[in-house]
Amino acid sequence: MVSIKRALTVLEPLLPVMMSNMCPSMGSKCRTFGYAWLILNGILYAIAPRVMLKLSSKMFMMGFKNADELEPREWYQDATRATGVGMIATGLAGLAFERGDEDSQADAGADEAGTAA
């Protein structure tokens, strides 16, 4: 717990720099990629929850001996599928907001150009 607090105090001054839009075009590209990645993962989790659970359990349980013998219960597969659908919806909403933000910035630029003339 102390090490987490120490890490947070070290990272706290850096957060405004990391979270700000120092380079808006790069931030937008990264967010767009993130939303697309979320949609892709959501599709995989919604279509093949058992395969994705097996893959993620192998990744998370790498340090354990019998991770291959774990079998997810039916309700957990259903919950994983629902999570995938939520990931798809969130990614699509994020992409829609990004596109809307780009459109509104273009409209604002056109308004400024029309006002200046």
PDB file of N, CA and C in Angstrom:
ATOM      1  N   MET A   1       0.827  -1.187   0.000  1.00  0.00           N
ATOM      2  CA  MET A   1       0.000   0.000   0.000  1.00  0.00           C
ATOM      3  C   MET A   1       0.871   1.251   0.000  1.00  0.00           C
ATOM      4  N   VAL A   2       1.948   1.205   0.745  1.00  0.00           N
ATOM      5  CA  VAL A   2       2.845   2.351   0.809  1.00  0.00           C
ATOM      6  C   VAL A   2       3.502   2.577  -0.553  1.00  0.00           C
ATOM      7  N   SER A   3       3.867   1.488  -1.234  1.00  0.00           N
ATOM      8  CA  SER A   3       4.521   1.639  -2.534  1.00  0.00           C
ATOM      9  C   SER A   3       3.557   2.224  -3.579  1.00  0.00           C
ATOM     10  N   ILE A   4       2.290   1.895  -3.476  1.00  0.00           N
ATOM     11  CA  ILE A   4       1.302   2.462  -4.393  1.00  0.00           C
ATOM     12  C   ILE A   4       1.163   3.954  -4.147  1.00  0.00           C
ATOM     13  N   LYS A   5       1.107   4.350  -2.872  1.00  0.00           N
ATOM     14  CA  LYS A   5       1.011   5.773  -2.548  1.00  0.00           C
ATOM     15  C   LYS A   5       2.253   6.511  -3.029  1.00  0.00           C
ATOM     16  N   ARG A   6       3.410   5.884  -2.870  1.00  0.00           N
ATOM     17  CA  ARG A   6       4.654   6.503  -3.317  1.00  0.00           C
ATOM     18  C   ARG A   6       4.638   6.674  -4.835  1.00  0.00           C
ATOM     19  N   ALA A   7       4.178   5.652  -5.546  1.00  0.00           N
ATOM     20  CA  ALA A   7       4.117   5.737  -7.008  1.00  0.00           C
ATOM     21  C   ALA A   7       3.140   6.827  -7.448  1.00  0.00           C
ATOM     22  N   LEU A   8       2.017   6.938  -6.748  1.00  0.00           N
ATOM     23  CA  LEU A   8       1.044   7.972  -7.098  1.00  0.00           C
ATOM     24  C   LEU A   8       1.595   9.368  -6.851  1.00  0.00           C
ATOM     25  N   THR A   9       2.340   9.536  -5.781  1.00  0.00           N
ATOM     26  CA  THR A   9       2.907  10.861  -5.523  1.00  0.00           C
ATOM     27  C   THR A   9       3.962  11.215  -6.561  1.00  0.00           C
ATOM     28  N   VAL A  10       4.670  10.213  -7.075  1.00  0.00           N
ATOM     29  CA  VAL A  10       5.663  10.473  -8.116  1.00  0.00           C
ATOM     30  C   VAL A  10       4.968  10.796  -9.434  1.00  0.00           C
ATOM     31  N   LEU A  11       3.886  10.081  -9.751  1.00  0.00           N
ATOM     32  CA  LEU A  11       3.197  10.265 -11.029  1.00  0.00           C
ATOM     33  C   LEU A  11       2.244  11.454 -11.041  1.00  0.00           C
ATOM     34  N   GLU A  12       1.836  11.931  -9.875  1.00  0.00           N
ATOM     35  CA  GLU A  12       0.840  12.993  -9.807  1.00  0.00           C
ATOM     36  C   GLU A  12       1.238  14.251 -10.577  1.00  0.00           C
ATOM     37  N   PRO A  13       2.480  14.741 -10.475  1.00  0.00           N
ATOM     38  CA  PRO A  13       2.826  15.935 -11.268  1.00  0.00           C
ATOM     39  C   PRO A  13       2.835  15.678 -12.773  1.00  0.00           C
ATOM     40  N   LEU A  14       3.008  14.421 -13.181  1.00  0.00           N
ATOM     41  CA  LEU A  14       3.075  14.104 -14.601  1.00  0.00           C
ATOM     42  C   LEU A  14       1.701  13.944 -15.245  1.00  0.00           C
ATOM     43  N   LEU A  15       0.673  13.707 -14.441  1.00  0.00           N
ATOM     44  CA  LEU A  15      -0.651  13.437 -14.994  1.00  0.00           C
ATOM     45  C   LEU A  15      -1.199  14.579 -15.846  1.00  0.00           C
ATOM     46  N   PRO A  16      -1.098  15.841 -15.429  1.00  0.00           N
ATOM     47  CA  PRO A  16      -1.625  16.898 -16.317  1.00  0.00           C
ATOM     48  C   PRO A  16      -0.929  16.921 -17.673  1.00  0.00           C
ATOM     49  N   VAL A  17       0.353  16.627 -17.687  1.00  0.00           N
ATOM     50  CA  VAL A  17       1.085  16.613 -18.955  1.00  0.00           C
ATOM     51  C   VAL A  17       0.632  15.437 -19.797  1.00  0.00           C
ATOM     52  N   MET A  18       0.475  14.269 -19.169  1.00  0.00           N
ATOM     53  CA  MET A  18       0.088  13.075 -19.901  1.00  0.00           C
ATOM     54  C   MET A  18      -1.359  13.172 -20.372  1.00  0.00           C
ATOM     55  N   MET A  19      -2.224  13.810 -19.603  1.00  0.00           N
ATOM     56  CA  MET A  19      -3.641  13.847 -19.930  1.00  0.00           C
ATOM     57  C   MET A  19      -4.011  15.028 -20.834  1.00  0.00           C
ATOM     58  N   SER A  20      -3.153  16.026 -20.909  1.00  0.00           N
ATOM     59  CA  SER A  20      -3.495  17.193 -21.718  1.00  0.00           C
ATOM     60  C   SER A  20      -3.352  16.863 -23.197  1.00  0.00           C
ATOM     61  N   ASN A  21      -3.952  17.693 -23.993  1.00  0.00           N
ATOM     62  CA  ASN A  21      -3.861  17.513 -25.443  1.00  0.00           C
ATOM     63  C   ASN A  21      -2.716  18.360 -25.972  1.00  0.00           C
ATOM     64  N   MET A  22      -1.507  17.984 -25.619  1.00  0.00           N
ATOM     65  CA  MET A  22      -0.335  18.714 -26.081  1.00  0.00           C
ATOM     66  C   MET A  22      -0.263  18.654 -27.613  1.00  0.00           C
ATOM     67  N   CYS A  23      -0.620  17.523 -28.162  1.00  0.00           N
ATOM     68  CA  CYS A  23      -0.648  17.348 -29.604  1.00  0.00           C
ATOM     69  C   CYS A  23      -2.018  16.762 -29.949  1.00  0.00           C
ATOM     70  N   PRO A  24      -3.004  17.599 -30.222  1.00  0.00           N
ATOM     71  CA  PRO A  24      -4.368  17.112 -30.391  1.00  0.00           C
ATOM     72  C   PRO A  24      -4.531  16.055 -31.472  1.00  0.00           C
ATOM     73  N   SER A  25      -3.795  16.180 -32.578  1.00  0.00           N
ATOM     74  CA  SER A  25      -3.972  15.202 -33.645  1.00  0.00           C
ATOM     75  C   SER A  25      -3.480  13.833 -33.209  1.00  0.00           C
ATOM     76  N   MET A  26      -2.380  13.778 -32.478  1.00  0.00           N
ATOM     77  CA  MET A  26      -1.864  12.496 -32.007  1.00  0.00           C
ATOM     78  C   MET A  26      -2.794  11.886 -30.964  1.00  0.00           C
ATOM     79  N   GLY A  27      -3.334  12.729 -30.077  1.00  0.00           N
ATOM     80  CA  GLY A  27      -4.273  12.234 -29.079  1.00  0.00           C
ATOM     81  C   GLY A  27      -5.515  11.658 -29.726  1.00  0.00           C
ATOM     82  N   SER A  28      -6.000  12.307 -30.741  1.00  0.00           N
ATOM     83  CA  SER A  28      -7.176  11.836 -31.449  1.00  0.00           C
ATOM     84  C   SER A  28      -6.905  10.506 -32.141  1.00  0.00           C
ATOM     85  N   LYS A  29      -5.724  10.386 -32.740  1.00  0.00           N
ATOM     86  CA  LYS A  29      -5.377   9.133 -33.404  1.00  0.00           C
ATOM     87  C   LYS A  29      -5.267   8.000 -32.396  1.00  0.00           C
ATOM     88  N   CYS A  30      -4.681   8.285 -31.246  1.00  0.00           N
ATOM     89  CA  CYS A  30      -4.539   7.257 -30.215  1.00  0.00           C
ATOM     90  C   CYS A  30      -5.904   6.849 -29.667  1.00  0.00           C
ATOM     91  N   ARG A  31      -6.774   7.841 -29.445  1.00  0.00           N
ATOM     92  CA  ARG A  31      -8.114   7.515 -28.952  1.00  0.00           C
ATOM     93  C   ARG A  31      -8.885   6.703 -29.981  1.00  0.00           C
ATOM     94  N   THR A  32      -8.782   7.074 -31.248  1.00  0.00           N
ATOM     95  CA  THR A  32      -9.472   6.338 -32.303  1.00  0.00           C
ATOM     96  C   THR A  32      -8.977   4.901 -32.355  1.00  0.00           C
ATOM     97  N   PHE A  33      -7.664   4.721 -32.267  1.00  0.00           N
ATOM     98  CA  PHE A  33      -7.109   3.365 -32.243  1.00  0.00           C
ATOM     99  C   PHE A  33      -7.601   2.606 -31.019  1.00  0.00           C
ATOM    100  N   GLY A  34      -7.654   3.269 -29.885  1.00  0.00           N
ATOM    101  CA  GLY A  34      -8.130   2.627 -28.660  1.00  0.00           C
ATOM    102  C   GLY A  34      -9.574   2.174 -28.773  1.00  0.00           C
ATOM    103  N   TYR A  35     -10.417   3.029 -29.355  1.00  0.00           N
ATOM    104  CA  TYR A  35     -11.818   2.646 -29.534  1.00  0.00           C
ATOM    105  C   TYR A  35     -11.947   1.481 -30.514  1.00  0.00           C
ATOM    106  N   ALA A  36     -11.156   1.494 -31.581  1.00  0.00           N
ATOM    107  CA  ALA A  36     -11.192   0.386 -32.540  1.00  0.00           C
ATOM    108  C   ALA A  36     -10.714  -0.906 -31.877  1.00  0.00           C
ATOM    109  N   TRP A  37      -9.683  -0.802 -31.051  1.00  0.00           N
ATOM    110  CA  TRP A  37      -9.166  -1.976 -30.326  1.00  0.00           C
ATOM    111  C   TRP A  37     -10.230  -2.507 -29.370  1.00  0.00           C
ATOM    112  N   LEU A  38     -10.956  -1.614 -28.723  1.00  0.00           N
ATOM    113  CA  LEU A  38     -12.026  -2.013 -27.819  1.00  0.00           C
ATOM    114  C   LEU A  38     -13.135  -2.732 -28.573  1.00  0.00           C
ATOM    115  N   ILE A  39     -13.489  -2.225 -29.749  1.00  0.00           N
ATOM    116  CA  ILE A  39     -14.518  -2.877 -30.566  1.00  0.00           C
ATOM    117  C   ILE A  39     -14.060  -4.266 -30.983  1.00  0.00           C
ATOM    118  N   LEU A  40     -12.817  -4.389 -31.435  1.00  0.00           N
ATOM    119  CA  LEU A  40     -12.291  -5.691 -31.846  1.00  0.00           C
ATOM    120  C   LEU A  40     -12.329  -6.685 -30.690  1.00  0.00           C
ATOM    121  N   ASN A  41     -11.866  -6.261 -29.518  1.00  0.00           N
ATOM    122  CA  ASN A  41     -11.905  -7.152 -28.360  1.00  0.00           C
ATOM    123  C   ASN A  41     -13.332  -7.505 -27.987  1.00  0.00           C
ATOM    124  N   GLY A  42     -14.223  -6.519 -28.076  1.00  0.00           N
ATOM    125  CA  GLY A  42     -15.624  -6.790 -27.764  1.00  0.00           C
ATOM    126  C   GLY A  42     -16.231  -7.821 -28.696  1.00  0.00           C
ATOM    127  N   ILE A  43     -15.909  -7.724 -29.978  1.00  0.00           N
ATOM    128  CA  ILE A  43     -16.411  -8.709 -30.940  1.00  0.00           C
ATOM    129  C   ILE A  43     -15.895 -10.096 -30.596  1.00  0.00           C
ATOM    130  N   LEU A  44     -14.602 -10.185 -30.289  1.00  0.00           N
ATOM    131  CA  LEU A  44     -14.025 -11.487 -29.950  1.00  0.00           C
ATOM    132  C   LEU A  44     -14.641 -12.057 -28.676  1.00  0.00           C
ATOM    133  N   TYR A  45     -14.828 -11.223 -27.663  1.00  0.00           N
ATOM    134  CA  TYR A  45     -15.422 -11.689 -26.414  1.00  0.00           C
ATOM    135  C   TYR A  45     -16.889 -12.046 -26.584  1.00  0.00           C
ATOM    136  N   ALA A  46     -17.612 -11.340 -27.457  1.00  0.00           N
ATOM    137  CA  ALA A  46     -19.028 -11.635 -27.662  1.00  0.00           C
ATOM    138  C   ALA A  46     -19.236 -12.889 -28.502  1.00  0.00           C
ATOM    139  N   ILE A  47     -18.384 -13.098 -29.502  1.00  0.00           N
ATOM    140  CA  ILE A  47     -18.556 -14.244 -30.397  1.00  0.00           C
ATOM    141  C   ILE A  47     -17.978 -15.527 -29.803  1.00  0.00           C
ATOM    142  N   ALA A  48     -16.802 -15.446 -29.226  1.00  0.00           N
ATOM    143  CA  ALA A  48     -16.120 -16.643 -28.729  1.00  0.00           C
ATOM    144  C   ALA A  48     -15.654 -16.440 -27.287  1.00  0.00           C
ATOM    145  N   PRO A  49     -16.590 -16.383 -26.335  1.00  0.00           N
ATOM    146  CA  PRO A  49     -16.180 -16.115 -24.956  1.00  0.00           C
ATOM    147  C   PRO A  49     -15.313 -17.226 -24.365  1.00  0.00           C
ATOM    148  N   ARG A  50     -15.583 -18.483 -24.723  1.00  0.00           N
ATOM    149  CA  ARG A  50     -14.807 -19.593 -24.167  1.00  0.00           C
ATOM    150  C   ARG A  50     -13.340 -19.506 -24.615  1.00  0.00           C
ATOM    151  N   VAL A  51     -13.126 -19.216 -25.891  1.00  0.00           N
ATOM    152  CA  VAL A  51     -11.763 -19.111 -26.416  1.00  0.00           C
ATOM    153  C   VAL A  51     -11.038 -17.932 -25.764  1.00  0.00           C
ATOM    154  N   MET A  52     -11.724 -16.808 -25.648  1.00  0.00           N
ATOM    155  CA  MET A  52     -11.101 -15.632 -25.059  1.00  0.00           C
ATOM    156  C   MET A  52     -10.822 -15.837 -23.577  1.00  0.00           C
ATOM    157  N   LEU A  53     -11.715 -16.541 -22.877  1.00  0.00           N
ATOM    158  CA  LEU A  53     -11.462 -16.847 -21.468  1.00  0.00           C
ATOM    159  C   LEU A  53     -10.259 -17.764 -21.313  1.00  0.00           C
ATOM    160  N   LYS A  54     -10.140 -18.738 -22.209  1.00  0.00           N
ATOM    161  CA  LYS A  54      -8.997 -19.646 -22.153  1.00  0.00           C
ATOM    162  C   LYS A  54      -7.700 -18.881 -22.407  1.00  0.00           C
ATOM    163  N   LEU A  55      -7.735 -17.993 -23.402  1.00  0.00           N
ATOM    164  CA  LEU A  55      -6.556 -17.199 -23.711  1.00  0.00           C
ATOM    165  C   LEU A  55      -6.183 -16.273 -22.553  1.00  0.00           C
ATOM    166  N   SER A  56      -7.166 -15.582 -22.009  1.00  0.00           N
ATOM    167  CA  SER A  56      -6.860 -14.660 -20.920  1.00  0.00           C
ATOM    168  C   SER A  56      -6.450 -15.405 -19.655  1.00  0.00           C
ATOM    169  N   SER A  57      -7.028 -16.588 -19.406  1.00  0.00           N
ATOM    170  CA  SER A  57      -6.605 -17.340 -18.217  1.00  0.00           C
ATOM    171  C   SER A  57      -5.175 -17.832 -18.375  1.00  0.00           C
ATOM    172  N   LYS A  58      -4.773 -18.165 -19.594  1.00  0.00           N
ATOM    173  CA  LYS A  58      -3.376 -18.547 -19.807  1.00  0.00           C
ATOM    174  C   LYS A  58      -2.449 -17.369 -19.544  1.00  0.00           C
ATOM    175  N   MET A  59      -2.879 -16.185 -19.968  1.00  0.00           N
ATOM    176  CA  MET A  59      -2.053 -14.995 -19.752  1.00  0.00           C
ATOM    177  C   MET A  59      -1.969 -14.643 -18.269  1.00  0.00           C
ATOM    178  N   PHE A  60      -3.109 -14.675 -17.582  1.00  0.00           N
ATOM    179  CA  PHE A  60      -3.133 -14.274 -16.181  1.00  0.00           C
ATOM    180  C   PHE A  60      -2.562 -15.341 -15.255  1.00  0.00           C
ATOM    181  N   MET A  61      -2.667 -16.598 -15.636  1.00  0.00           N
ATOM    182  CA  MET A  61      -2.243 -17.688 -14.765  1.00  0.00           C
ATOM    183  C   MET A  61      -0.906 -18.287 -15.187  1.00  0.00           C
ATOM    184  N   MET A  62      -0.096 -17.530 -15.878  1.00  0.00           N
ATOM    185  CA  MET A  62       1.180 -18.028 -16.366  1.00  0.00           C
ATOM    186  C   MET A  62       2.058 -18.593 -15.254  1.00  0.00           C
ATOM    187  N   GLY A  63       1.994 -18.021 -14.091  1.00  0.00           N
ATOM    188  CA  GLY A  63       2.846 -18.453 -12.988  1.00  0.00           C
ATOM    189  C   GLY A  63       2.312 -19.648 -12.224  1.00  0.00           C
ATOM    190  N   PHE A  64       1.147 -20.172 -12.594  1.00  0.00           N
ATOM    191  CA  PHE A  64       0.559 -21.296 -11.880  1.00  0.00           C
ATOM    192  C   PHE A  64       0.736 -22.588 -12.666  1.00  0.00           C
ATOM    193  N   LYS A  65       0.694 -23.704 -11.958  1.00  0.00           N
ATOM    194  CA  LYS A  65       0.963 -25.007 -12.588  1.00  0.00           C
ATOM    195  C   LYS A  65      -0.210 -25.533 -13.401  1.00  0.00           C
ATOM    196  N   ASN A  66      -1.410 -25.528 -12.878  1.00  0.00           N
ATOM    197  CA  ASN A  66      -2.548 -26.201 -13.511  1.00  0.00           C
ATOM    198  C   ASN A  66      -3.540 -25.221 -14.128  1.00  0.00           C
ATOM    199  N   ALA A  67      -3.064 -24.178 -14.752  1.00  0.00           N
ATOM    200  CA  ALA A  67      -3.970 -23.183 -15.324  1.00  0.00           C
ATOM    201  C   ALA A  67      -4.770 -23.753 -16.498  1.00  0.00           C
ATOM    202  N   ASP A  68      -4.230 -24.735 -17.209  1.00  0.00           N
ATOM    203  CA  ASP A  68      -4.935 -25.322 -18.351  1.00  0.00           C
ATOM    204  C   ASP A  68      -6.149 -26.134 -17.927  1.00  0.00           C
ATOM    205  N   GLU A  69      -6.178 -26.580 -16.694  1.00  0.00           N
ATOM    206  CA  GLU A  69      -7.265 -27.424 -16.218  1.00  0.00           C
ATOM    207  C   GLU A  69      -8.471 -26.629 -15.741  1.00  0.00           C
ATOM    208  N   LEU A  70      -8.360 -25.327 -15.697  1.00  0.00           N
ATOM    209  CA  LEU A  70      -9.474 -24.500 -15.240  1.00  0.00           C
ATOM    210  C   LEU A  70     -10.572 -24.474 -16.291  1.00  0.00           C
ATOM    211  N   GLU A  71     -11.810 -24.618 -15.861  1.00  0.00           N
ATOM    212  CA  GLU A  71     -12.967 -24.543 -16.751  1.00  0.00           C
ATOM    213  C   GLU A  71     -13.908 -23.466 -16.227  1.00  0.00           C
ATOM    214  N   PRO A  72     -14.239 -22.486 -17.051  1.00  0.00           N
ATOM    215  CA  PRO A  72     -15.157 -21.440 -16.586  1.00  0.00           C
ATOM    216  C   PRO A  72     -16.583 -21.972 -16.493  1.00  0.00           C
ATOM    217  N   ARG A  73     -17.314 -21.462 -15.528  1.00  0.00           N
ATOM    218  CA  ARG A  73     -18.711 -21.862 -15.388  1.00  0.00           C
ATOM    219  C   ARG A  73     -19.552 -21.165 -16.456  1.00  0.00           C
ATOM    220  N   GLU A  74     -20.723 -21.700 -16.671  1.00  0.00           N
ATOM    221  CA  GLU A  74     -21.608 -21.182 -17.727  1.00  0.00           C
ATOM    222  C   GLU A  74     -21.965 -19.717 -17.505  1.00  0.00           C
ATOM    223  N   TRP A  75     -22.271 -19.342 -16.262  1.00  0.00           N
ATOM    224  CA  TRP A  75     -22.647 -17.960 -15.974  1.00  0.00           C
ATOM    225  C   TRP A  75     -21.477 -17.008 -16.263  1.00  0.00           C
ATOM    226  N   TYR A  76     -20.246 -17.488 -16.063  1.00  0.00           N
ATOM    227  CA  TYR A  76     -19.086 -16.636 -16.304  1.00  0.00           C
ATOM    228  C   TYR A  76     -18.899 -16.401 -17.803  1.00  0.00           C
ATOM    229  N   GLN A  77     -19.184 -17.416 -18.604  1.00  0.00           N
ATOM    230  CA  GLN A  77     -19.133 -17.250 -20.057  1.00  0.00           C
ATOM    231  C   GLN A  77     -20.191 -16.246 -20.511  1.00  0.00           C
ATOM    232  N   ASP A  78     -21.391 -16.336 -19.920  1.00  0.00           N
ATOM    233  CA  ASP A  78     -22.450 -15.388 -20.260  1.00  0.00           C
ATOM    234  C   ASP A  78     -22.058 -13.968 -19.869  1.00  0.00           C
ATOM    235  N   ALA A  79     -21.441 -13.829 -18.703  1.00  0.00           N
ATOM    236  CA  ALA A  79     -20.986 -12.515 -18.253  1.00  0.00           C
ATOM    237  C   ALA A  79     -19.889 -11.983 -19.165  1.00  0.00           C
ATOM    238  N   THR A  80     -19.026 -12.863 -19.636  1.00  0.00           N
ATOM    239  CA  THR A  80     -17.965 -12.458 -20.551  1.00  0.00           C
ATOM    240  C   THR A  80     -18.560 -12.001 -21.874  1.00  0.00           C
ATOM    241  N   ARG A  81     -19.561 -12.705 -22.351  1.00  0.00           N
ATOM    242  CA  ARG A  81     -20.227 -12.319 -23.595  1.00  0.00           C
ATOM    243  C   ARG A  81     -20.900 -10.951 -23.429  1.00  0.00           C
ATOM    244  N   ALA A  82     -21.548 -10.729 -22.300  1.00  0.00           N
ATOM    245  CA  ALA A  82     -22.189  -9.434 -22.041  1.00  0.00           C
ATOM    246  C   ALA A  82     -21.142  -8.322 -21.956  1.00  0.00           C
ATOM    247  N   THR A  83     -20.004  -8.619 -21.374  1.00  0.00           N
ATOM    248  CA  THR A  83     -18.921  -7.646 -21.308  1.00  0.00           C
ATOM    249  C   THR A  83     -18.445  -7.295 -22.715  1.00  0.00           C
ATOM    250  N   GLY A  84     -18.362  -8.291 -23.575  1.00  0.00           N
ATOM    251  CA  GLY A  84     -17.968  -8.051 -24.962  1.00  0.00           C
ATOM    252  C   GLY A  84     -18.940  -7.138 -25.681  1.00  0.00           C
ATOM    253  N   VAL A  85     -20.225  -7.343 -25.461  1.00  0.00           N
ATOM    254  CA  VAL A  85     -21.243  -6.485 -26.083  1.00  0.00           C
ATOM    255  C   VAL A  85     -21.100  -5.062 -25.550  1.00  0.00           C
ATOM    256  N   GLY A  86     -20.833  -4.923 -24.258  1.00  0.00           N
ATOM    257  CA  GLY A  86     -20.610  -3.600 -23.682  1.00  0.00           C
ATOM    258  C   GLY A  86     -19.379  -2.926 -24.251  1.00  0.00           C
ATOM    259  N   MET A  87     -18.335  -3.706 -24.497  1.00  0.00           N
ATOM    260  CA  MET A  87     -17.111  -3.159 -25.087  1.00  0.00           C
ATOM    261  C   MET A  87     -17.381  -2.667 -26.507  1.00  0.00           C
ATOM    262  N   ILE A  88     -18.173  -3.414 -27.260  1.00  0.00           N
ATOM    263  CA  ILE A  88     -18.527  -2.997 -28.617  1.00  0.00           C
ATOM    264  C   ILE A  88     -19.294  -1.678 -28.564  1.00  0.00           C
ATOM    265  N   ALA A  89     -20.295  -1.594 -27.685  1.00  0.00           N
ATOM    266  CA  ALA A  89     -21.111  -0.377 -27.584  1.00  0.00           C
ATOM    267  C   ALA A  89     -20.257   0.819 -27.167  1.00  0.00           C
ATOM    268  N   THR A  90     -19.362   0.609 -26.208  1.00  0.00           N
ATOM    269  CA  THR A  90     -18.504   1.703 -25.748  1.00  0.00           C
ATOM    270  C   THR A  90     -17.563   2.163 -26.847  1.00  0.00           C
ATOM    271  N   GLY A  91     -16.978   1.224 -27.565  1.00  0.00           N
ATOM    272  CA  GLY A  91     -16.073   1.589 -28.657  1.00  0.00           C
ATOM    273  C   GLY A  91     -16.780   2.329 -29.765  1.00  0.00           C
ATOM    274  N   LEU A  92     -17.977   1.870 -30.126  1.00  0.00           N
ATOM    275  CA  LEU A  92     -18.743   2.558 -31.174  1.00  0.00           C
ATOM    276  C   LEU A  92     -19.152   3.962 -30.732  1.00  0.00           C
ATOM    277  N   ALA A  93     -19.563   4.094 -29.475  1.00  0.00           N
ATOM    278  CA  ALA A  93     -19.925   5.417 -28.963  1.00  0.00           C
ATOM    279  C   ALA A  93     -18.709   6.340 -28.961  1.00  0.00           C
ATOM    280  N   GLY A  94     -17.564   5.817 -28.554  1.00  0.00           N
ATOM    281  CA  GLY A  94     -16.346   6.619 -28.555  1.00  0.00           C
ATOM    282  C   GLY A  94     -15.971   7.086 -29.945  1.00  0.00           C
ATOM    283  N   LEU A  95     -16.057   6.175 -30.919  1.00  0.00           N
ATOM    284  CA  LEU A  95     -15.762   6.567 -32.301  1.00  0.00           C
ATOM    285  C   LEU A  95     -16.757   7.603 -32.815  1.00  0.00           C
ATOM    286  N   ALA A  96     -18.022   7.448 -32.446  1.00  0.00           N
ATOM    287  CA  ALA A  96     -19.031   8.420 -32.873  1.00  0.00           C
ATOM    288  C   ALA A  96     -18.750   9.792 -32.268  1.00  0.00           C
ATOM    289  N   PHE A  97     -18.366   9.822 -31.001  1.00  0.00           N
ATOM    290  CA  PHE A  97     -18.043  11.101 -30.366  1.00  0.00           C
ATOM    291  C   PHE A  97     -16.797  11.718 -30.985  1.00  0.00           C
ATOM    292  N   GLU A  98     -15.815  10.890 -31.314  1.00  0.00           N
ATOM    293  CA  GLU A  98     -14.604  11.407 -31.972  1.00  0.00           C
ATOM    294  C   GLU A  98     -14.955  12.027 -33.317  1.00  0.00           C
ATOM    295  N   ARG A  99     -15.779  11.346 -34.083  1.00  0.00           N
ATOM    296  CA  ARG A  99     -16.173  11.864 -35.397  1.00  0.00           C
ATOM    297  C   ARG A  99     -16.988  13.144 -35.241  1.00  0.00           C
ATOM    298  N   GLY A 100     -17.879  13.171 -34.249  1.00  0.00           N
ATOM    299  CA  GLY A 100     -18.666  14.378 -33.992  1.00  0.00           C
ATOM    300  C   GLY A 100     -17.791  15.536 -33.560  1.00  0.00           C
ATOM    301  N   ASP A 101     -16.758  15.243 -32.772  1.00  0.00           N
ATOM    302  CA  ASP A 101     -15.828  16.284 -32.320  1.00  0.00           C
ATOM    303  C   ASP A 101     -15.048  16.842 -33.501  1.00  0.00           C
ATOM    304  N   GLU A 102     -14.624  15.972 -34.419  1.00  0.00           N
ATOM    305  CA  GLU A 102     -13.905  16.436 -35.606  1.00  0.00           C
ATOM    306  C   GLU A 102     -14.803  17.307 -36.476  1.00  0.00           C
ATOM    307  N   ASP A 103     -16.069  16.905 -36.618  1.00  0.00           N
ATOM    308  CA  ASP A 103     -17.020  17.690 -37.420  1.00  0.00           C
ATOM    309  C   ASP A 103     -17.265  19.055 -36.789  1.00  0.00           C
ATOM    310  N   SER A 104     -17.424  19.094 -35.467  1.00  0.00           N
ATOM    311  CA  SER A 104     -17.684  20.374 -34.798  1.00  0.00           C
ATOM    312  C   SER A 104     -16.461  21.286 -34.872  1.00  0.00           C
ATOM    313  N   GLN A 105     -15.255  20.719 -34.832  1.00  0.00           N
ATOM    314  CA  GLN A 105     -14.044  21.532 -34.973  1.00  0.00           C
ATOM    315  C   GLN A 105     -13.945  22.092 -36.397  1.00  0.00           C
ATOM    316  N   ALA A 106     -14.331  21.299 -37.380  1.00  0.00           N
ATOM    317  CA  ALA A 106     -14.316  21.782 -38.766  1.00  0.00           C
ATOM    318  C   ALA A 106     -15.329  22.882 -38.959  1.00  0.00           C
ATOM    319  N   ASP A 107     -16.527  22.729 -38.349  1.00  0.00           N
ATOM    320  CA  ASP A 107     -17.551  23.766 -38.439  1.00  0.00           C
ATOM    321  C   ASP A 107     -17.088  25.039 -37.750  1.00  0.00           C
ATOM    322  N   ALA A 108     -16.431  24.911 -36.617  1.00  0.00           N
ATOM    323  CA  ALA A 108     -15.947  26.081 -35.889  1.00  0.00           C
ATOM    324  C   ALA A 108     -14.874  26.801 -36.716  1.00  0.00           C
ATOM    325  N   GLY A 109     -14.014  26.035 -37.391  1.00  0.00           N
ATOM    326  CA  GLY A 109     -12.990  26.637 -38.255  1.00  0.00           C
ATOM    327  C   GLY A 109     -13.613  27.376 -39.419  1.00  0.00           C
ATOM    328  N   ALA A 110     -14.679  26.821 -39.982  1.00  0.00           N
ATOM    329  CA  ALA A 110     -15.371  27.475 -41.098  1.00  0.00           C
ATOM    330  C   ALA A 110     -16.073  28.748 -40.618  1.00  0.00           C
ATOM    331  N   ASP A 111     -16.636  28.707 -39.393  1.00  0.00           N
ATOM    332  CA  ASP A 111     -17.296  29.884 -38.848  1.00  0.00           C
ATOM    333  C   ASP A 111     -16.283  31.004 -38.610  1.00  0.00           C
ATOM    334  N   GLU A 112     -15.126  30.648 -38.087  1.00  0.00           N
ATOM    335  CA  GLU A 112     -14.087  31.647 -37.828  1.00  0.00           C
ATOM    336  C   GLU A 112     -13.593  32.270 -39.140  1.00  0.00           C
ATOM    337  N   ALA A 113     -13.457  31.450 -40.176  1.00  0.00           N
ATOM    338  CA  ALA A 113     -13.016  31.960 -41.464  1.00  0.00           C
ATOM    339  C   ALA A 113     -14.063  32.891 -42.072  1.00  0.00           C
ATOM    340  N   GLY A 114     -15.338  32.546 -41.896  1.00  0.00           N
ATOM    341  CA  GLY A 114     -16.418  33.383 -42.412  1.00  0.00           C
ATOM    342  C   GLY A 114     -16.546  34.685 -41.647  1.00  0.00           C
ATOM    343  N   THR A 115     -16.251  34.666 -40.353  1.00  0.00           N
ATOM    344  CA  THR A 115     -16.325  35.866 -39.528  1.00  0.00           C
ATOM    345  C   THR A 115     -15.170  36.808 -39.840  1.00  0.00           C
ATOM    346  N   ALA A 116     -14.000  36.227 -40.115  1.00  0.00           N
ATOM    347  CA  ALA A 116     -12.821  37.047 -40.388  1.00  0.00           C
ATOM    348  C   ALA A 116     -12.925  37.760 -41.739  1.00  0.00           C
ATOM    349  N   ALA A 117     -13.692  37.201 -42.682  1.00  0.00           N
ATOM    350  CA  ALA A 117     -13.790  37.790 -44.026  1.00  0.00           C
ATOM    351  C   ALA A 117     -14.723  38.928 -44.068  1.00  0.00           C
TER     352      ALA A 117
END
